[in-house]
Amino acid sequence: MIARALRRLLSHQTCSRLRFHYPPPFRIPAVQLRRYQNQNRPQLQREDAHDPDFWQQRSDILPPDKAEEFAKYPMVNANMLRSRRDRPRKVKMLARDFIEDSLYNPHYGYFSKQVVIFNPGEPFKFNDIRDNWDFMSLLGRRYTEFEDALDEKALNDARQLWHTPTELFRPYYGEAIARYLVTNYMLAHHPFHDLIIYELGAGNGTLMLNILDYIRDIHPEIYERTQFKVIEISSALAGRQAAQLTSSASSRGHATHVEIINKSIFNWDIYVGAPCYFLALEVFDNFAHDAIRYHPFTEEAHQGMMLIDQYGDFYEFYTKQIDPVAERYLRTRHAAHRRPFQHPLSGSRFLRTLKSKLPFAPNLTVPEYIPTRLMQFFETLKEFFPQHQLVTSDFNDLPERISGFGSPVVQTRFRRRTIPVTTPYVQQGYFDILFPVDFAVMEDVYQAITGKLTRVMSHEEFLKSWAYVEETKTMSGENPMLSWYKNASVMLGRSCPRVLIRSPNNGLNNGSHLFLCDPNYSWGTSDEAFELIAVIDVFKGIVGGDVVPHVVENHYIEMTRIPLASQEQIKNPIAHNS
């Protein structure tokens, strides 16, 4: 049944255009996708009344006018649909709710029913592999063997199979993250707090095991104080992670250190006051986004909505009534951004107005996809995990994206072939909807919401700092772990480094608080008008070098390791405030 449905789906004009590389219509900002249409069914008649607050997106395929149905159908959201076993009909919802329902509905969602994460079997011995091409050839053979084994159990033409760097480069990738976690824990929280790690969306559970294995083998004293908690929305993946814990004698030893919490992070309601580390690797790209279009002349924003009619066809509408979540994101981005970013109104207003006057011109700009769910995730961290330190990695760019700003890649897999399409409004559960992350904007929004310091770096830069890169180097000197994922970035978030000085002999008042600027970050601040150069000289005299956590002559000094900033930054700390 699935194969027949997908064959029919992929015969749709939109999919055929992309599959055979036909160019899309140049003046159409989006395709109104209509699938499984019965050509003989009666058409609904439209009444004369039309609400000017709602716009039905114009497309090259002139669809029936659905204004009457839009006014009549009930409004639903993704949470309301979680209990439904069948895909909804005769409803309308925001674009972000449609995307979230497509990806995460527990009964038909992509991550709940379709996803299989590639497991290459034994770790690759990179030092014995000739070069990058040899690695790709070996990976291809293992991919085929893996899927052949799955087909022997159950043939599935629509299997959605993909891989992660955790799986390809295990255990070295997980060990790099473990080193980062342990080092920062030792500097900031040991021995006063346990090492508490949360992982959002743990996939097969491989990263969890690699991190725990490393801590147990290298830092057994910290392992005794380690708690690893997985927050997993997919029941299927949560079961797979639990099975990993019992798959071997080595993994069974971690059972008392692991808790798997099968719930959405957006339904989190437990306050965690202790310091903790929050891992979110390749997660943000699948967070639901809102679609916003703008009037080309007035520049008024319109929010995207999806109507599903009685036949299961999809129709895209836009309304001037921006919901509070999208409005809050637009307001936060406007207040927080420090660098220019691309959006539909970036170009010349005169040219936009001129284009809007052309025959058959679209009535709104191309869409902008805004990460409203990502903003809500940051708000959850702020409210329930105030002492968190964030470690996140994701794609900063993606090929074959659909039209628009911040637009996703929408693709499915059929008979072991990846097939991209040109709209996110597709059959729920069968398509991956993958958004690139604008790290410049995300960093500013995260800082504004949480008040944390941040550092953004490339995937390669992070691994060079924390991985033993010799372990993944091939015989030719190439290093796949560094050269792959060039379109990925890492963002680290942490609390403002605070130095608390309690020595009466250091020339400062007892209990003085000082905030110093790490040159890896863009800002720093000070509670008092101290002469920072002199203070740093005092620190260096006390510890005999760089500032580190230290005890001198029974006078306790609590501080985070802070590389010295340039004298210009130190003399003007307030000028570097975010």
Protein backbone atom coordinates (compact mmCIF):
# COMPACT_ATOMS: atom_id res chain seq x y z
CA MET A 1 0.00 0.00 0.00
CA ILE A 2 2.84 2.40 0.90
CA ALA A 3 4.63 1.63 -2.36
CA ARG A 4 1.50 2.31 -4.39
CA ALA A 5 0.86 5.56 -2.54
CA LEU A 6 4.43 6.77 -3.05
CA ARG A 7 4.41 5.82 -6.73
CA ARG A 8 1.32 7.92 -7.12
CA LEU A 9 2.81 10.70 -5.04
CA LEU A 10 6.04 10.78 -7.05
CA SER A 11 4.12 10.97 -10.31
CA HIS A 12 2.84 14.38 -9.16
CA GLN A 13 4.01 17.24 -11.38
CA THR A 14 5.93 18.97 -8.59
CA CYS A 15 7.97 15.88 -7.77
CA SER A 16 8.60 15.00 -11.41
CA ARG A 17 9.98 18.45 -12.10
CA LEU A 18 12.53 18.13 -9.36
CA ARG A 19 13.41 14.53 -10.03
CA PHE A 20 14.14 15.24 -13.71
CA HIS A 21 15.74 18.62 -12.97
CA TYR A 22 13.21 20.68 -14.85
CA PRO A 23 13.47 24.37 -13.82
CA PRO A 24 10.59 25.63 -11.64
CA PRO A 25 8.38 28.49 -12.87
CA PHE A 26 10.42 31.67 -12.35
CA ARG A 27 7.61 33.85 -11.01
CA ILE A 28 5.96 31.41 -8.64
CA PRO A 29 7.20 31.66 -5.02
CA ALA A 30 5.68 28.38 -3.89
CA VAL A 31 3.74 25.44 -5.28
CA GLN A 32 0.39 24.60 -3.80
CA LEU A 33 0.75 20.87 -3.55
CA ARG A 34 -2.34 18.72 -4.27
CA ARG A 35 -2.02 14.98 -4.04
CA TYR A 36 -4.18 11.88 -4.26
CA GLN A 37 -6.72 14.00 -6.14
CA ASN A 38 -9.81 12.35 -7.55
CA GLN A 39 -10.26 13.89 -11.00
CA ASN A 40 -13.98 12.99 -11.07
CA ARG A 41 -14.94 14.39 -7.70
CA PRO A 42 -17.36 17.35 -7.56
CA GLN A 43 -15.86 20.82 -7.09
CA LEU A 44 -17.04 22.96 -4.18
CA GLN A 45 -18.66 26.26 -5.14
CA ARG A 46 -17.42 29.51 -3.70
CA GLU A 47 -19.62 32.18 -2.21
CA ASP A 48 -19.01 35.82 -3.10
CA ALA A 49 -17.87 36.76 0.41
CA HIS A 50 -14.10 37.05 0.76
CA ASP A 51 -12.23 38.12 3.92
CA PRO A 52 -9.43 40.58 2.97
CA ASP A 53 -7.45 39.53 6.06
CA PHE A 54 -6.76 36.13 4.50
CA TRP A 55 -4.78 35.48 1.33
CA GLN A 56 -4.76 32.23 -0.59
CA GLN A 57 -1.31 31.86 -2.16
CA ARG A 58 -1.42 32.17 -5.94
CA SER A 59 0.30 29.36 -7.86
CA ASP A 60 0.81 28.17 -11.42
CA ILE A 61 -1.77 25.40 -10.93
CA LEU A 62 -4.98 27.37 -10.32
CA PRO A 63 -6.60 25.49 -7.43
CA PRO A 64 -10.22 25.70 -6.38
CA ASP A 65 -10.91 28.66 -4.14
CA LYS A 66 -11.02 27.35 -0.58
CA ALA A 67 -11.98 30.58 1.23
CA GLU A 68 -15.30 29.11 2.33
CA GLU A 69 -13.67 26.00 3.79
CA PHE A 70 -11.00 28.14 5.44
CA ALA A 71 -13.66 30.13 7.27
CA LYS A 72 -15.56 26.99 8.28
CA TYR A 73 -12.90 24.41 9.25
CA PRO A 74 -11.75 24.26 12.88
CA MET A 75 -8.29 25.43 13.93
CA VAL A 76 -6.06 22.68 15.38
CA ASN A 77 -2.45 22.39 16.50
CA ALA A 78 0.13 19.62 16.71
CA ASN A 79 -0.63 18.82 20.35
CA MET A 80 -4.32 18.31 19.56
CA LEU A 81 -3.38 15.86 16.79
CA ARG A 82 -1.03 13.70 18.89
CA SER A 83 -3.86 11.40 19.96
CA ARG A 84 -5.12 10.90 16.40
CA ARG A 85 -4.11 7.73 14.58
CA ASP A 86 -5.21 9.00 11.17
CA ARG A 87 -3.99 12.03 9.28
CA PRO A 88 -6.43 14.91 9.75
CA ARG A 89 -8.91 16.23 7.22
CA LYS A 90 -11.23 19.23 7.13
CA VAL A 91 -8.99 21.25 9.46
CA LYS A 92 -6.62 24.20 9.30
CA MET A 93 -3.43 24.82 11.28
CA LEU A 94 -0.33 26.99 11.38
CA ALA A 95 2.55 25.95 9.15
CA ARG A 96 4.69 25.07 12.19
CA ASP A 97 1.97 22.77 13.52
CA PHE A 98 1.71 21.03 10.16
CA ILE A 99 5.49 20.49 10.09
CA GLU A 100 5.61 19.31 13.70
CA ASP A 101 2.71 16.93 13.16
CA SER A 102 4.38 15.57 10.02
CA LEU A 103 7.65 14.89 11.84
CA TYR A 104 6.63 13.96 15.39
CA ASN A 105 3.07 12.65 15.52
CA PRO A 106 3.38 9.42 17.56
CA HIS A 107 1.13 7.43 15.20
CA TYR A 108 2.20 8.51 11.71
CA GLY A 109 5.08 10.98 12.17
CA TYR A 110 8.38 10.68 10.35
CA PHE A 111 10.50 10.11 13.45
CA SER A 112 7.92 7.87 15.09
CA LYS A 113 7.37 5.39 12.26
CA GLN A 114 9.76 5.81 9.34
CA VAL A 115 13.27 6.59 10.52
CA VAL A 116 16.11 4.08 10.66
CA ILE A 117 19.51 5.42 11.72
CA PHE A 118 22.43 3.71 10.01
CA ASN A 119 24.71 1.60 12.21
CA PRO A 120 27.96 0.68 10.42
CA GLY A 121 28.73 -2.24 12.73
CA GLU A 122 32.32 -2.39 13.91
CA PRO A 123 34.04 1.02 14.18
CA PHE A 124 36.07 1.98 11.14
CA LYS A 125 39.84 1.54 11.46
CA PHE A 126 40.77 4.78 9.77
CA ASN A 127 44.53 4.28 10.09
CA ASP A 128 44.20 1.19 7.85
CA ILE A 129 42.07 2.93 5.19
CA ARG A 130 43.94 4.24 2.16
CA ASP A 131 42.21 7.61 1.64
CA ASN A 132 38.87 9.40 1.60
CA TRP A 133 37.68 7.61 -1.53
CA ASP A 134 38.51 4.25 0.03
CA PHE A 135 36.51 5.25 3.11
CA MET A 136 33.52 6.26 0.98
CA SER A 137 33.67 2.94 -0.88
CA LEU A 138 33.82 1.00 2.38
CA LEU A 139 30.95 3.06 3.81
CA GLY A 140 28.86 2.35 0.68
CA ARG A 141 29.38 -1.40 1.07
CA ARG A 142 28.38 -1.29 4.73
CA TYR A 143 25.31 0.76 3.84
CA THR A 144 24.24 -1.90 1.34
CA GLU A 145 24.91 -4.74 3.77
CA PHE A 146 22.97 -2.95 6.51
CA GLU A 147 19.92 -2.37 4.32
CA ASP A 148 20.06 -5.87 2.79
CA ALA A 149 19.87 -7.28 6.32
CA LEU A 150 16.82 -5.12 7.05
CA ASP A 151 15.13 -6.21 3.81
CA GLU A 152 15.60 -9.86 4.74
CA LYS A 153 13.48 -9.22 7.83
CA ALA A 154 10.91 -6.96 6.16
CA LEU A 155 11.02 -5.46 2.67
CA ASN A 156 10.25 -1.72 2.78
CA ASP A 157 10.55 0.43 -0.33
CA ALA A 158 9.87 3.59 1.72
CA ARG A 159 12.50 3.04 4.43
CA GLN A 160 13.99 6.34 5.59
CA LEU A 161 17.66 5.68 6.33
CA TRP A 162 20.29 8.26 7.25
CA HIS A 163 23.52 8.54 9.19
CA THR A 164 25.07 10.85 11.78
CA PRO A 165 28.71 11.74 12.56
CA THR A 166 28.28 9.95 15.89
CA GLU A 167 27.73 6.66 14.06
CA LEU A 168 30.32 7.14 11.32
CA PHE A 169 33.16 8.21 13.60
CA ARG A 170 32.43 6.30 16.77
CA PRO A 171 33.80 6.23 19.36
CA TYR A 172 36.13 9.13 18.50
CA TYR A 173 33.38 11.70 17.92
CA GLY A 174 31.67 10.92 21.21
CA GLU A 175 34.99 10.93 23.04
CA ALA A 176 35.71 14.46 21.79
CA ILE A 177 32.45 15.69 23.29
CA ALA A 178 33.19 13.77 26.49
CA ARG A 179 36.56 15.53 26.83
CA TYR A 180 34.87 18.89 26.45
CA LEU A 181 32.28 18.01 29.09
CA VAL A 182 34.74 16.61 31.61
CA THR A 183 37.21 19.49 31.21
CA ASN A 184 34.54 22.13 31.75
CA TYR A 185 33.02 20.18 34.62
CA MET A 186 36.41 19.97 36.36
CA LEU A 187 36.98 23.69 35.96
CA ALA A 188 33.52 24.91 36.90
CA HIS A 189 31.65 22.43 39.11
CA HIS A 190 33.89 19.70 40.53
CA PRO A 191 33.81 18.67 43.38
CA PHE A 192 30.72 20.58 44.52
CA HIS A 193 28.22 19.19 42.00
CA ASP A 194 27.59 15.97 40.10
CA LEU A 195 28.19 15.80 36.36
CA ILE A 196 24.65 15.91 34.95
CA ILE A 197 24.27 15.54 31.18
CA TYR A 198 21.04 15.88 29.20
CA GLU A 199 20.88 14.76 25.59
CA LEU A 200 17.98 15.87 23.43
CA GLY A 201 17.10 13.31 20.75
CA ALA A 202 19.66 10.55 21.30
CA GLY A 203 19.04 8.55 18.10
CA ASN A 204 20.38 5.02 18.52
CA GLY A 205 21.97 5.93 21.87
CA THR A 206 25.48 5.66 20.47
CA LEU A 207 26.69 9.06 21.68
CA MET A 208 25.39 8.30 25.17
CA LEU A 209 27.38 5.06 25.34
CA ASN A 210 30.55 6.59 23.86
CA ILE A 211 30.52 9.42 26.41
CA LEU A 212 29.86 7.12 29.36
CA ASP A 213 32.50 4.63 28.21
CA TYR A 214 35.09 7.38 28.02
CA ILE A 215 34.28 8.84 31.45
CA ARG A 216 34.25 5.38 33.06
CA ASP A 217 37.59 4.37 31.52
CA ILE A 218 39.50 7.66 31.86
CA HIS A 219 37.88 9.39 34.82
CA PRO A 220 36.40 6.68 37.09
CA GLU A 221 36.10 9.10 40.02
CA ILE A 222 33.90 11.42 37.91
CA TYR A 223 31.96 8.50 36.46
CA GLU A 224 30.67 7.67 39.94
CA ARG A 225 29.08 11.12 40.00
CA THR A 226 27.79 11.13 36.42
CA GLN A 227 24.09 11.16 35.51
CA PHE A 228 23.06 10.90 31.86
CA LYS A 229 19.47 11.77 31.01
CA VAL A 230 17.98 11.38 27.53
CA ILE A 231 14.93 13.41 26.50
CA GLU A 232 13.41 11.57 23.53
CA ILE A 233 10.07 12.42 21.88
CA SER A 234 9.95 9.24 19.77
CA SER A 235 8.80 6.11 21.60
CA ALA A 236 10.47 3.93 18.95
CA LEU A 237 13.84 5.62 19.41
CA ALA A 238 13.47 5.63 23.19
CA GLY A 239 12.98 1.85 23.04
CA ARG A 240 16.04 1.52 20.82
CA GLN A 241 18.12 3.52 23.31
CA ALA A 242 16.95 1.34 26.20
CA ALA A 243 17.87 -1.75 24.18
CA GLN A 244 21.37 -0.35 23.66
CA LEU A 245 21.86 -0.34 27.43
CA THR A 246 21.29 -4.09 27.57
CA SER A 247 23.10 -5.02 24.36
CA SER A 248 26.39 -5.96 26.05
CA ALA A 249 27.96 -6.45 29.45
CA SER A 250 29.84 -3.17 29.04
CA SER A 251 26.71 -1.14 28.28
CA ARG A 252 24.68 -2.84 31.02
CA GLY A 253 27.08 -1.33 33.54
CA HIS A 254 25.79 2.13 32.62
CA ALA A 255 22.18 1.33 33.49
CA THR A 256 22.32 2.95 36.93
CA HIS A 257 23.71 6.16 35.42
CA VAL A 258 21.12 6.57 32.64
CA GLU A 259 17.52 7.76 32.60
CA ILE A 260 15.51 7.80 29.35
CA ILE A 261 12.63 10.26 29.47
CA ASN A 262 10.13 9.67 26.68
CA LYS A 263 8.52 13.09 26.27
CA SER A 264 8.79 16.26 24.23
CA ILE A 265 11.12 18.92 25.53
CA PHE A 266 8.31 21.39 24.83
CA ASN A 267 6.18 19.63 27.44
CA TRP A 268 8.95 19.77 30.06
CA ASP A 269 7.71 20.84 33.51
CA ILE A 270 10.46 19.82 35.97
CA TYR A 271 12.75 22.50 37.39
CA VAL A 272 16.43 21.50 37.33
CA GLY A 273 18.35 23.88 39.57
CA ALA A 274 21.69 22.04 39.51
CA PRO A 275 24.39 22.85 36.95
CA CYS A 276 24.03 20.60 33.92
CA TYR A 277 25.23 20.16 30.34
CA PHE A 278 22.67 20.06 27.55
CA LEU A 279 23.56 18.26 24.30
CA ALA A 280 21.52 18.94 21.17
CA LEU A 281 23.31 17.49 18.15
CA GLU A 282 21.57 17.60 14.74
CA VAL A 283 18.30 18.43 16.50
CA PHE A 284 17.56 22.06 15.68
CA ASP A 285 17.31 21.32 11.95
CA ASN A 286 14.12 19.33 12.54
CA PHE A 287 12.45 21.89 14.80
CA ALA A 288 9.24 23.21 13.27
CA HIS A 289 9.33 26.65 11.67
CA ASP A 290 6.66 29.20 10.87
CA ALA A 291 6.26 30.48 7.31
CA ILE A 292 6.07 34.27 6.97
CA ARG A 293 5.47 36.20 3.76
CA TYR A 294 5.39 39.97 3.40
CA HIS A 295 3.30 42.29 1.29
CA PRO A 296 5.73 43.62 -1.35
CA PHE A 297 4.50 47.22 -1.00
CA THR A 298 3.29 47.69 2.60
CA GLU A 299 5.85 45.16 3.99
CA GLU A 300 3.16 43.84 6.32
CA ALA A 301 3.87 40.32 7.61
CA HIS A 302 1.48 37.44 6.90
CA GLN A 303 1.69 34.11 8.71
CA GLY A 304 1.37 30.83 6.82
CA MET A 305 -1.44 28.39 7.49
CA MET A 306 -2.31 25.05 5.95
CA LEU A 307 -5.81 23.93 5.08
CA ILE A 308 -6.50 20.21 4.60
CA ASP A 309 -9.77 19.57 2.80
CA GLN A 310 -12.12 16.59 2.93
CA TYR A 311 -10.04 14.74 0.33
CA GLY A 312 -6.71 15.24 2.12
CA ASP A 313 -5.46 17.90 -0.32
CA PHE A 314 -3.34 20.77 1.02
CA TYR A 315 -3.92 24.49 0.44
CA GLU A 316 -1.66 27.27 1.65
CA PHE A 317 -3.16 30.42 3.19
CA TYR A 318 -1.64 33.51 4.78
CA THR A 319 -3.19 35.72 7.43
CA LYS A 320 -2.30 39.15 8.78
CA GLN A 321 -3.09 37.92 12.26
CA ILE A 322 0.34 36.86 13.53
CA ASP A 323 0.09 34.45 16.45
CA PRO A 324 1.87 35.39 19.75
CA VAL A 325 4.73 32.88 19.29
CA ALA A 326 5.73 34.10 15.83
CA GLU A 327 5.26 37.71 16.90
CA ARG A 328 7.52 37.14 19.91
CA TYR A 329 10.23 35.64 17.71
CA LEU A 330 10.14 38.54 15.25
CA ARG A 331 10.29 41.01 18.12
CA THR A 332 13.16 39.17 19.85
CA ARG A 333 15.17 38.86 16.65
CA HIS A 334 14.71 42.54 15.88
CA ALA A 335 15.89 43.56 19.36
CA ALA A 336 18.75 41.05 19.68
CA HIS A 337 20.44 40.82 16.29
CA ARG A 338 23.88 42.43 16.04
CA ARG A 339 24.63 41.47 12.45
CA PRO A 340 22.55 41.90 9.29
CA PHE A 341 20.64 38.85 8.12
CA GLN A 342 18.87 37.93 4.91
CA HIS A 343 15.08 38.06 4.68
CA PRO A 344 12.49 38.80 1.95
CA LEU A 345 12.60 42.57 2.58
CA SER A 346 16.40 42.84 2.32
CA GLY A 347 16.38 44.08 -1.28
CA SER A 348 15.18 47.30 -2.89
CA ARG A 349 11.65 48.31 -2.00
CA PHE A 350 11.28 50.01 -5.37
CA LEU A 351 12.14 46.80 -7.24
CA ARG A 352 9.75 44.79 -5.09
CA THR A 353 6.96 47.24 -5.79
CA LEU A 354 7.75 47.20 -9.49
CA LYS A 355 7.74 43.41 -9.67
CA SER A 356 4.43 43.26 -7.81
CA LYS A 357 2.81 45.29 -10.61
CA LEU A 358 3.78 42.82 -13.33
CA PRO A 359 1.07 40.54 -14.78
CA PHE A 360 0.67 37.29 -12.85
CA ALA A 361 3.10 38.50 -10.19
CA PRO A 362 2.76 36.82 -6.78
CA ASN A 363 0.67 38.74 -4.29
CA LEU A 364 3.22 38.19 -1.48
CA THR A 365 6.99 37.80 -1.24
CA VAL A 366 8.73 34.46 -1.14
CA PRO A 367 8.39 32.86 2.31
CA GLU A 368 10.72 33.29 5.21
CA TYR A 369 10.89 30.30 7.56
CA ILE A 370 11.46 31.47 11.13
CA PRO A 371 12.60 29.04 13.91
CA THR A 372 9.83 29.65 16.42
CA ARG A 373 10.21 26.21 18.00
CA LEU A 374 13.92 26.87 18.50
CA MET A 375 13.06 30.06 20.36
CA GLN A 376 10.66 28.09 22.56
CA PHE A 377 13.44 25.58 23.27
CA PHE A 378 15.67 28.42 24.48
CA GLU A 379 12.82 29.66 26.65
CA THR A 380 12.50 26.16 28.15
CA LEU A 381 16.21 26.15 28.97
CA LYS A 382 15.88 29.58 30.58
CA GLU A 383 12.88 28.58 32.69
CA PHE A 384 13.70 25.01 33.72
CA PHE A 385 17.48 24.66 33.28
CA PRO A 386 18.85 28.04 34.43
CA GLN A 387 22.36 26.68 35.11
CA HIS A 388 22.73 24.73 31.86
CA GLN A 389 25.69 24.82 29.51
CA LEU A 390 24.67 24.15 25.92
CA VAL A 391 26.55 22.05 23.36
CA THR A 392 24.87 22.03 19.97
CA SER A 393 25.93 21.12 16.45
CA ASP A 394 23.93 21.49 13.26
CA PHE A 395 23.95 22.34 9.56
CA ASN A 396 24.52 25.99 8.68
CA ASP A 397 23.67 25.38 5.02
CA LEU A 398 21.95 22.68 3.00
CA PRO A 399 21.88 21.92 -0.75
CA GLU A 400 18.68 21.56 -2.78
CA ARG A 401 16.59 23.71 -0.47
CA ILE A 402 13.13 24.80 -1.54
CA SER A 403 12.35 28.42 -2.44
CA GLY A 404 12.50 30.98 0.35
CA PHE A 405 14.72 32.40 3.10
CA GLY A 406 15.77 29.90 5.75
CA SER A 407 13.92 27.31 3.68
CA PRO A 408 14.26 23.57 4.30
CA VAL A 409 15.27 20.57 2.29
CA VAL A 410 12.23 18.33 1.92
CA GLN A 411 13.01 14.82 0.79
CA THR A 412 11.96 11.23 1.02
CA ARG A 413 13.63 7.96 0.20
CA PHE A 414 12.07 5.42 -2.16
CA ARG A 415 13.72 2.18 -3.22
CA ARG A 416 17.05 3.39 -1.80
CA ARG A 417 16.95 6.63 -3.78
CA THR A 418 16.70 10.07 -2.18
CA ILE A 419 13.98 12.16 -3.84
CA PRO A 420 13.71 15.87 -2.97
CA VAL A 421 10.51 17.84 -3.51
CA THR A 422 9.72 21.56 -3.65
CA THR A 423 7.30 22.14 -0.77
CA PRO A 424 7.07 21.21 2.94
CA TYR A 425 3.35 20.53 2.58
CA VAL A 426 3.59 16.85 1.75
CA GLN A 427 2.12 13.58 2.99
CA GLN A 428 2.67 13.61 6.73
CA GLY A 429 5.26 11.14 7.99
CA TYR A 430 6.96 10.17 4.71
CA PHE A 431 9.26 13.18 4.26
CA ASP A 432 12.19 14.57 6.20
CA ILE A 433 11.86 18.36 6.58
CA LEU A 434 15.33 19.66 7.34
CA PHE A 435 16.10 23.34 8.01
CA PRO A 436 19.52 24.99 7.98
CA VAL A 437 20.43 26.91 11.13
CA ASP A 438 21.45 30.57 10.89
CA PHE A 439 24.00 30.47 13.70
CA ALA A 440 24.56 34.23 13.70
CA VAL A 441 20.90 34.95 14.41
CA MET A 442 20.52 31.91 16.67
CA GLU A 443 23.47 33.03 18.79
CA ASP A 444 21.98 36.49 19.31
CA VAL A 445 18.51 35.13 20.15
CA TYR A 446 19.97 32.56 22.56
CA GLN A 447 21.99 35.25 24.35
CA ALA A 448 18.98 37.54 24.58
CA ILE A 449 16.73 34.86 26.06
CA THR A 450 19.14 33.02 28.39
CA GLY A 451 21.77 35.65 29.18
CA LYS A 452 24.51 33.11 28.45
CA LEU A 453 27.88 33.57 26.82
CA THR A 454 28.28 31.82 23.48
CA ARG A 455 30.94 30.76 21.06
CA VAL A 456 30.29 29.57 17.50
CA MET A 457 32.91 27.61 15.58
CA SER A 458 33.11 25.25 12.68
CA HIS A 459 32.61 21.53 13.14
CA GLU A 460 36.24 21.00 12.17
CA GLU A 461 37.53 23.60 14.63
CA PHE A 462 35.71 21.99 17.55
CA LEU A 463 37.05 18.53 16.70
CA LYS A 464 40.59 19.80 16.30
CA SER A 465 40.33 21.21 19.82
CA TRP A 466 38.83 18.18 21.56
CA ALA A 467 39.33 15.03 19.45
CA TYR A 468 42.43 12.90 19.02
CA VAL A 469 42.45 13.53 15.29
CA GLU A 470 45.29 11.05 14.68
CA GLU A 471 42.79 8.24 15.35
CA THR A 472 40.67 9.17 12.32
CA LYS A 473 43.50 9.93 9.89
CA THR A 474 43.79 7.71 6.81
CA MET A 475 47.04 6.40 5.34
CA SER A 476 47.11 9.29 2.85
CA GLY A 477 46.91 11.85 5.67
CA GLU A 478 43.29 12.77 4.91
CA ASN A 479 40.94 12.91 7.86
CA PRO A 480 37.27 12.21 7.09
CA MET A 481 36.10 13.30 10.54
CA LEU A 482 37.52 16.76 9.85
CA SER A 483 36.79 17.06 6.13
CA TRP A 484 33.21 15.80 6.24
CA TYR A 485 30.37 18.01 7.53
CA LYS A 486 31.94 21.21 6.21
CA ASN A 487 28.46 22.72 6.28
CA ALA A 488 28.09 22.16 10.04
CA SER A 489 28.82 24.49 12.95
CA VAL A 490 29.04 24.09 16.71
CA MET A 491 27.71 26.54 19.29
CA LEU A 492 28.75 26.38 22.93
CA GLY A 493 26.79 28.24 25.57
CA ARG A 494 27.83 28.78 29.16
CA SER A 495 27.25 31.06 32.10
CA CYS A 496 29.25 34.25 32.44
CA PRO A 497 32.60 33.30 34.03
CA ARG A 498 32.71 34.69 37.56
CA VAL A 499 35.77 35.09 39.77
CA LEU A 500 35.14 35.26 43.51
CA ILE A 501 38.15 36.45 45.52
CA ARG A 502 38.20 35.91 49.27
CA SER A 503 41.85 36.58 50.09
CA PRO A 504 42.31 39.61 52.41
CA ASN A 505 45.87 40.05 51.12
CA ASN A 506 45.13 40.58 47.44
CA GLY A 507 44.61 44.32 47.60
CA LEU A 508 40.85 44.13 46.87
CA ASN A 509 37.79 44.31 49.07
CA ASN A 510 36.63 40.98 50.47
CA GLY A 511 33.95 39.33 48.38
CA SER A 512 34.63 41.43 45.28
CA HIS A 513 33.03 40.08 42.12
CA LEU A 514 34.71 40.45 38.77
CA PHE A 515 33.54 39.44 35.29
CA LEU A 516 36.34 39.14 32.74
CA CYS A 517 36.20 38.88 28.97
CA ASP A 518 37.22 35.64 27.30
CA PRO A 519 38.66 36.61 23.87
CA ASN A 520 36.72 33.72 22.34
CA TYR A 521 33.53 35.59 23.20
CA SER A 522 32.31 38.96 22.07
CA TRP A 523 31.63 40.66 25.36
CA GLY A 524 32.52 41.06 29.01
CA THR A 525 31.39 43.17 31.95
CA SER A 526 32.42 44.23 35.46
CA ASP A 527 30.38 44.76 38.62
CA GLU A 528 32.71 47.46 39.92
CA ALA A 529 34.87 50.11 38.27
CA PHE A 530 38.07 48.15 38.92
CA GLU A 531 41.29 48.80 37.07
CA LEU A 532 41.26 45.41 35.38
CA ILE A 533 44.89 45.42 34.32
CA ALA A 534 46.01 45.73 37.93
CA VAL A 535 43.56 43.05 39.04
CA ILE A 536 44.85 40.60 36.46
CA ASP A 537 48.41 41.31 37.62
CA VAL A 538 47.30 40.40 41.15
CA PHE A 539 45.76 37.17 39.85
CA LYS A 540 48.92 36.27 38.00
CA GLY A 541 50.98 36.96 41.09
CA ILE A 542 48.78 34.73 43.20
CA VAL A 543 48.70 31.72 40.90
CA GLY A 544 52.03 32.25 39.21
CA GLY A 545 50.60 32.27 35.71
CA ASP A 546 47.24 31.95 34.02
CA VAL A 547 44.15 32.24 36.15
CA VAL A 548 42.96 28.78 37.26
CA PRO A 549 40.94 27.38 40.17
CA HIS A 550 43.46 27.49 43.02
CA VAL A 551 43.95 27.68 46.79
CA VAL A 552 46.75 29.91 48.10
CA GLU A 553 47.79 29.99 51.78
CA ASN A 554 44.38 28.79 52.94
CA HIS A 555 42.70 31.67 51.11
CA TYR A 556 40.18 30.12 48.72
CA ILE A 557 40.00 31.47 45.18
CA GLU A 558 37.09 30.22 43.04
CA MET A 559 37.34 31.04 39.34
CA THR A 560 36.85 29.69 35.84
CA ARG A 561 39.92 29.46 33.67
CA ILE A 562 39.90 32.69 31.64
CA PRO A 563 42.43 33.36 28.85
CA LEU A 564 43.73 36.92 29.06
CA ALA A 565 42.00 39.31 26.71
CA SER A 566 43.80 42.05 24.86
CA GLN A 567 44.61 45.19 26.88
CA GLU A 568 42.22 47.21 24.72
CA GLN A 569 39.34 44.89 25.63
CA ILE A 570 40.30 44.83 29.28
CA LYS A 571 40.52 48.62 29.50
CA ASN A 572 37.08 48.98 27.94
CA PRO A 573 35.03 45.99 29.16
CA ILE A 574 31.70 47.77 28.98
CA ALA A 575 32.30 48.71 25.34
CA HIS A 576 32.30 45.01 24.51
CA ASN A 577 28.90 44.34 26.10
CA SER A 578 26.45 42.42 23.93
